[in-house]
Amino acid sequence: MALSRVDKLTFVNDLVGDVTEKIKDNIRLGLVPDSWDGIELRQYVADTFLAHTTTMHKARLQQFKNDVLIHNL
């Protein structure tokens, strides 16, 4: 079932907010090494978001990639 625009915005806002808070909490708790700078932090952010992805069936993934290309996302 397709989500409305409002539902899409809510979903994205909630997901990004949850991941962002997890990353910030780990920094506040001192779990992120002091030696990390923007390079490691970028990778950490990317990896953390990657951990919150899901597996798509091949046909759905192909359609997704096509949509991204066509809509210049």
Protein backbone atom coordinates (compact mmCIF):
# COMPACT_ATOMS: atom_id res chain seq x y z
CA MET A 1 0.00 0.00 0.00
CA ALA A 2 1.38 3.39 -0.97
CA LEU A 3 1.95 6.02 1.69
CA SER A 4 0.52 9.52 1.41
CA ARG A 5 2.96 12.42 1.23
CA VAL A 6 2.29 13.21 4.87
CA ASP A 7 2.90 9.58 5.86
CA LYS A 8 6.15 9.56 3.84
CA LEU A 9 7.34 12.72 5.58
CA THR A 10 6.43 11.30 8.99
CA PHE A 11 8.19 8.01 8.26
CA VAL A 12 11.38 9.72 7.05
CA ASN A 13 11.36 12.20 9.93
CA ASP A 14 10.95 9.41 12.49
CA LEU A 15 13.61 7.17 10.92
CA VAL A 16 16.19 9.93 10.51
CA GLY A 17 15.45 11.22 14.00
CA ASP A 18 15.86 7.78 15.59
CA VAL A 19 19.15 7.09 13.80
CA THR A 20 20.44 10.58 14.55
CA GLU A 21 19.62 10.21 18.25
CA LYS A 22 21.38 6.82 18.38
CA ILE A 23 24.53 8.31 16.85
CA LYS A 24 24.44 11.35 19.14
CA ASP A 25 23.84 9.16 22.22
CA ASN A 26 26.90 7.06 21.33
CA ILE A 27 28.98 10.24 21.04
CA ARG A 28 27.63 11.58 24.36
CA LEU A 29 28.40 8.26 26.07
CA GLY A 30 31.99 8.40 24.82
CA LEU A 31 31.60 5.26 22.71
CA VAL A 32 32.86 7.04 19.58
CA PRO A 33 36.66 7.29 19.61
CA ASP A 34 38.10 10.76 20.26
CA SER A 35 40.45 10.29 17.30
CA TRP A 36 37.58 10.22 14.79
CA ASP A 37 37.13 13.26 12.59
CA GLY A 38 34.75 13.99 9.71
CA ILE A 39 35.98 11.06 7.62
CA GLU A 40 35.27 8.38 10.24
CA LEU A 41 32.09 10.12 11.37
CA ARG A 42 30.76 10.19 7.78
CA GLN A 43 31.43 6.48 7.45
CA TYR A 44 29.85 5.79 10.85
CA VAL A 45 26.72 7.74 9.90
CA ALA A 46 26.49 5.91 6.56
CA ASP A 47 27.01 2.51 8.20
CA THR A 48 24.43 3.26 10.89
CA PHE A 49 21.83 4.22 8.29
CA LEU A 50 22.77 1.15 6.23
CA ALA A 51 22.03 -1.01 9.27
CA HIS A 52 18.46 0.37 9.20
CA THR A 53 17.78 -0.69 5.62
CA THR A 54 15.79 -3.69 4.51
CA THR A 55 16.18 -6.28 1.79
CA MET A 56 14.09 -5.79 -1.33
CA HIS A 57 13.17 -8.48 -3.79
CA LYS A 58 15.08 -8.20 -7.07
CA ALA A 59 12.16 -6.84 -9.09
CA ARG A 60 11.28 -4.23 -6.46
CA LEU A 61 14.93 -3.16 -6.17
CA GLN A 62 15.16 -2.83 -9.95
CA GLN A 63 12.02 -0.65 -9.99
CA PHE A 64 13.42 1.43 -7.11
CA LYS A 65 16.69 2.04 -8.96
CA ASN A 66 14.75 2.93 -12.10
CA ASP A 67 12.58 5.40 -10.15
CA VAL A 68 15.66 7.02 -8.61
CA LEU A 69 17.20 7.41 -12.06
CA ILE A 70 14.05 8.69 -13.78
CA HIS A 71 13.17 11.17 -11.02
CA ASN A 72 16.77 12.31 -10.55
CA LEU A 73 16.74 11.39 -6.88
